[in-house]
Amino acid sequence: MTDRLALMNMRFQGKHGVLPEERESAQPFEVDVELFLDLSAAGRGDDLTKTVDYREVFGIVGEIVEERSFALIEAVAETIAGRLLG
């Protein structure tokens, strides 16, 4: 069984872009994350340790978007995916 966990419309301020002026001032970025995993054990046992902590996901995404700087949005997405899946 595969469940879908979606955190949508997470909003952050970041300095990303190819142009120098895009990286001078923080701009708004909206991020959606979808994770596909088996959450049946968490549901059956009502056990937080068997699921994903949404606050942790939000914190990881926020750290990447707000504390790092990338030229390409694709690099932002790849870095987020790597951290969440790793």
N, C-alpha and C. Protein backbone atom coordinates (compact mmCIF):
# COMPACT_ATOMS: atom_id res chain seq x y z
N MET A 1 0.84 -1.17 0.00
CA MET A 1 0.00 0.00 0.00
C MET A 1 0.89 1.25 0.00
N THR A 2 0.51 2.23 -0.76
CA THR A 2 1.26 3.48 -0.81
C THR A 2 0.31 4.62 -0.47
N ASP A 3 0.71 5.44 0.47
CA ASP A 3 -0.04 6.62 0.84
C ASP A 3 0.65 7.85 0.27
N ARG A 4 -0.10 8.92 0.14
CA ARG A 4 0.43 10.17 -0.38
C ARG A 4 0.33 11.21 0.72
N LEU A 5 1.46 11.80 1.05
CA LEU A 5 1.52 12.89 2.02
C LEU A 5 1.92 14.13 1.24
N ALA A 6 1.07 15.16 1.29
CA ALA A 6 1.34 16.38 0.53
C ALA A 6 1.38 17.58 1.47
N LEU A 7 2.43 18.35 1.37
CA LEU A 7 2.54 19.62 2.06
C LEU A 7 2.55 20.67 0.96
N MET A 8 1.48 21.42 0.87
CA MET A 8 1.28 22.33 -0.25
C MET A 8 1.36 23.79 0.20
N ASN A 9 1.77 24.63 -0.73
CA ASN A 9 1.79 26.08 -0.55
C ASN A 9 2.66 26.54 0.61
N MET A 10 3.77 25.84 0.85
CA MET A 10 4.70 26.30 1.88
C MET A 10 5.40 27.54 1.34
N ARG A 11 5.42 28.60 2.11
CA ARG A 11 5.95 29.87 1.63
C ARG A 11 7.22 30.25 2.38
N PHE A 12 8.21 30.66 1.58
CA PHE A 12 9.52 31.04 2.11
C PHE A 12 10.05 32.24 1.34
N GLN A 13 11.10 32.85 1.86
CA GLN A 13 11.81 33.93 1.18
C GLN A 13 13.20 33.41 0.84
N GLY A 14 13.59 33.55 -0.43
CA GLY A 14 14.89 33.05 -0.84
C GLY A 14 15.54 33.92 -1.89
N LYS A 15 16.83 33.68 -2.08
CA LYS A 15 17.63 34.43 -3.06
C LYS A 15 18.11 33.45 -4.11
N HIS A 16 17.28 33.23 -5.13
CA HIS A 16 17.60 32.28 -6.18
C HIS A 16 17.37 32.93 -7.54
N GLY A 17 18.19 32.57 -8.51
CA GLY A 17 18.02 33.08 -9.86
C GLY A 17 19.35 33.17 -10.57
N VAL A 18 19.27 33.26 -11.87
CA VAL A 18 20.46 33.35 -12.70
C VAL A 18 21.04 34.78 -12.69
N LEU A 19 20.17 35.76 -12.66
CA LEU A 19 20.61 37.15 -12.70
C LEU A 19 21.09 37.61 -11.32
N PRO A 20 22.15 38.41 -11.29
CA PRO A 20 22.68 38.88 -10.01
C PRO A 20 21.63 39.59 -9.16
N GLU A 21 20.78 40.39 -9.78
CA GLU A 21 19.77 41.13 -9.01
C GLU A 21 18.73 40.21 -8.36
N GLU A 22 18.54 39.01 -8.93
CA GLU A 22 17.61 38.05 -8.33
C GLU A 22 18.16 37.49 -7.02
N ARG A 23 19.48 37.56 -6.87
CA ARG A 23 20.12 36.97 -5.69
C ARG A 23 20.49 38.03 -4.65
N GLU A 24 20.17 39.30 -4.93
CA GLU A 24 20.48 40.37 -4.00
C GLU A 24 19.44 40.49 -2.89
N SER A 25 18.17 40.43 -3.27
CA SER A 25 17.07 40.59 -2.32
C SER A 25 16.22 39.33 -2.31
N ALA A 26 15.78 38.96 -1.13
CA ALA A 26 14.94 37.77 -1.01
C ALA A 26 13.62 37.97 -1.75
N GLN A 27 13.19 36.92 -2.42
CA GLN A 27 11.94 36.90 -3.16
C GLN A 27 11.06 35.80 -2.56
N PRO A 28 9.74 35.92 -2.75
CA PRO A 28 8.87 34.86 -2.24
C PRO A 28 8.96 33.60 -3.12
N PHE A 29 9.01 32.45 -2.45
CA PHE A 29 8.98 31.16 -3.13
C PHE A 29 7.92 30.30 -2.47
N GLU A 30 7.16 29.61 -3.28
CA GLU A 30 6.13 28.69 -2.79
C GLU A 30 6.52 27.28 -3.20
N VAL A 31 6.52 26.37 -2.25
CA VAL A 31 7.00 25.01 -2.49
C VAL A 31 5.91 24.01 -2.13
N ASP A 32 5.71 23.03 -3.01
CA ASP A 32 4.83 21.89 -2.75
C ASP A 32 5.70 20.65 -2.69
N VAL A 33 5.42 19.79 -1.71
CA VAL A 33 6.16 18.53 -1.58
C VAL A 33 5.15 17.39 -1.49
N GLU A 34 5.39 16.35 -2.26
CA GLU A 34 4.57 15.14 -2.18
C GLU A 34 5.49 13.97 -1.87
N LEU A 35 5.12 13.21 -0.85
CA LEU A 35 5.87 12.01 -0.48
C LEU A 35 4.94 10.82 -0.61
N PHE A 36 5.43 9.75 -1.18
CA PHE A 36 4.65 8.53 -1.34
C PHE A 36 5.31 7.45 -0.48
N LEU A 37 4.57 6.96 0.51
CA LEU A 37 5.11 5.99 1.44
C LEU A 37 3.97 5.23 2.11
N ASP A 38 4.33 4.18 2.81
CA ASP A 38 3.35 3.37 3.51
C ASP A 38 3.20 3.89 4.93
N LEU A 39 2.04 4.43 5.23
CA LEU A 39 1.77 4.99 6.55
C LEU A 39 0.81 4.12 7.36
N SER A 40 0.58 2.89 6.92
CA SER A 40 -0.40 2.03 7.59
C SER A 40 0.00 1.71 9.03
N ALA A 41 1.28 1.49 9.30
CA ALA A 41 1.71 1.19 10.67
C ALA A 41 1.43 2.37 11.60
N ALA A 42 1.64 3.58 11.12
CA ALA A 42 1.35 4.77 11.93
C ALA A 42 -0.15 4.87 12.21
N GLY A 43 -0.95 4.59 11.21
CA GLY A 43 -2.40 4.65 11.39
C GLY A 43 -2.92 3.59 12.33
N ARG A 44 -2.40 2.38 12.20
CA ARG A 44 -2.85 1.28 13.07
C ARG A 44 -2.40 1.49 14.51
N GLY A 45 -1.20 1.97 14.69
CA GLY A 45 -0.64 2.09 16.03
C GLY A 45 -0.76 3.47 16.66
N ASP A 46 -1.26 4.45 15.90
CA ASP A 46 -1.35 5.82 16.39
C ASP A 46 0.01 6.26 16.94
N ASP A 47 1.06 5.99 16.14
CA ASP A 47 2.44 6.16 16.60
C ASP A 47 3.17 7.18 15.73
N LEU A 48 3.53 8.31 16.32
CA LEU A 48 4.21 9.38 15.59
C LEU A 48 5.55 8.93 15.02
N THR A 49 6.22 8.01 15.69
CA THR A 49 7.53 7.56 15.21
C THR A 49 7.44 6.73 13.94
N LYS A 50 6.24 6.35 13.55
CA LYS A 50 6.06 5.53 12.34
C LYS A 50 5.55 6.35 11.15
N THR A 51 5.58 7.66 11.29
CA THR A 51 5.13 8.52 10.21
C THR A 51 6.16 9.62 9.97
N VAL A 52 5.79 10.59 9.17
CA VAL A 52 6.66 11.72 8.84
C VAL A 52 6.24 12.91 9.68
N ASP A 53 7.21 13.54 10.32
CA ASP A 53 6.95 14.74 11.11
C ASP A 53 6.86 15.92 10.14
N TYR A 54 5.67 16.47 9.97
CA TYR A 54 5.46 17.56 9.01
C TYR A 54 6.33 18.77 9.34
N ARG A 55 6.53 19.03 10.63
CA ARG A 55 7.37 20.17 11.02
C ARG A 55 8.80 19.99 10.55
N GLU A 56 9.28 18.75 10.59
CA GLU A 56 10.64 18.48 10.14
C GLU A 56 10.77 18.71 8.64
N VAL A 57 9.78 18.25 7.87
CA VAL A 57 9.79 18.47 6.42
C VAL A 57 9.77 19.97 6.13
N PHE A 58 8.89 20.70 6.79
CA PHE A 58 8.81 22.15 6.60
C PHE A 58 10.15 22.80 6.94
N GLY A 59 10.77 22.38 8.02
CA GLY A 59 12.06 22.94 8.43
C GLY A 59 13.17 22.67 7.43
N ILE A 60 13.21 21.47 6.89
CA ILE A 60 14.23 21.12 5.90
C ILE A 60 14.06 21.96 4.64
N VAL A 61 12.82 22.05 4.16
CA VAL A 61 12.56 22.83 2.94
C VAL A 61 12.90 24.30 3.19
N GLY A 62 12.48 24.83 4.33
CA GLY A 62 12.76 26.22 4.66
C GLY A 62 14.24 26.52 4.73
N GLU A 63 14.98 25.61 5.34
CA GLU A 63 16.44 25.78 5.45
C GLU A 63 17.08 25.86 4.06
N ILE A 64 16.66 25.00 3.17
CA ILE A 64 17.24 24.98 1.82
C ILE A 64 16.86 26.24 1.05
N VAL A 65 15.59 26.60 1.09
CA VAL A 65 15.12 27.76 0.31
C VAL A 65 15.66 29.08 0.88
N GLU A 66 15.68 29.20 2.20
CA GLU A 66 16.02 30.48 2.79
C GLU A 66 17.50 30.68 3.11
N GLU A 67 18.23 29.60 3.32
CA GLU A 67 19.62 29.75 3.75
C GLU A 67 20.64 29.47 2.66
N ARG A 68 20.19 28.93 1.55
CA ARG A 68 21.12 28.66 0.45
C ARG A 68 20.71 29.50 -0.75
N SER A 69 21.55 29.53 -1.76
CA SER A 69 21.26 30.29 -2.97
C SER A 69 21.63 29.44 -4.19
N PHE A 70 20.69 29.36 -5.13
CA PHE A 70 20.89 28.56 -6.33
C PHE A 70 20.55 29.41 -7.56
N ALA A 71 21.22 29.11 -8.65
CA ALA A 71 20.90 29.77 -9.91
C ALA A 71 19.59 29.22 -10.49
N LEU A 72 19.39 27.91 -10.37
CA LEU A 72 18.23 27.27 -11.00
C LEU A 72 17.26 26.70 -9.97
N ILE A 73 15.97 26.85 -10.25
CA ILE A 73 14.92 26.25 -9.42
C ILE A 73 15.05 24.74 -9.43
N GLU A 74 15.51 24.19 -10.54
CA GLU A 74 15.72 22.74 -10.62
C GLU A 74 16.73 22.27 -9.56
N ALA A 75 17.73 23.09 -9.30
CA ALA A 75 18.72 22.75 -8.27
C ALA A 75 18.11 22.83 -6.88
N VAL A 76 17.23 23.78 -6.66
CA VAL A 76 16.51 23.87 -5.38
C VAL A 76 15.70 22.60 -5.19
N ALA A 77 14.93 22.22 -6.20
CA ALA A 77 14.08 21.03 -6.12
C ALA A 77 14.90 19.76 -5.91
N GLU A 78 16.00 19.63 -6.61
CA GLU A 78 16.86 18.44 -6.47
C GLU A 78 17.46 18.35 -5.07
N THR A 79 17.85 19.49 -4.53
CA THR A 79 18.43 19.51 -3.19
C THR A 79 17.36 19.15 -2.14
N ILE A 80 16.16 19.67 -2.29
CA ILE A 80 15.07 19.32 -1.39
C ILE A 80 14.78 17.82 -1.47
N ALA A 81 14.64 17.31 -2.67
CA ALA A 81 14.35 15.88 -2.85
C ALA A 81 15.44 15.01 -2.23
N GLY A 82 16.69 15.37 -2.45
CA GLY A 82 17.79 14.61 -1.89
C GLY A 82 17.77 14.55 -0.38
N ARG A 83 17.49 15.68 0.24
CA ARG A 83 17.44 15.73 1.72
C ARG A 83 16.26 14.94 2.26
N LEU A 84 15.09 15.09 1.64
CA LEU A 84 13.90 14.42 2.15
C LEU A 84 13.94 12.92 1.91
N LEU A 85 14.54 12.50 0.81
CA LEU A 85 14.60 11.07 0.50
C LEU A 85 15.81 10.39 1.10
N GLY A 86 16.81 11.18 1.50
CA GLY A 86 18.06 10.63 2.01
C GLY A 86 18.00 10.27 3.42
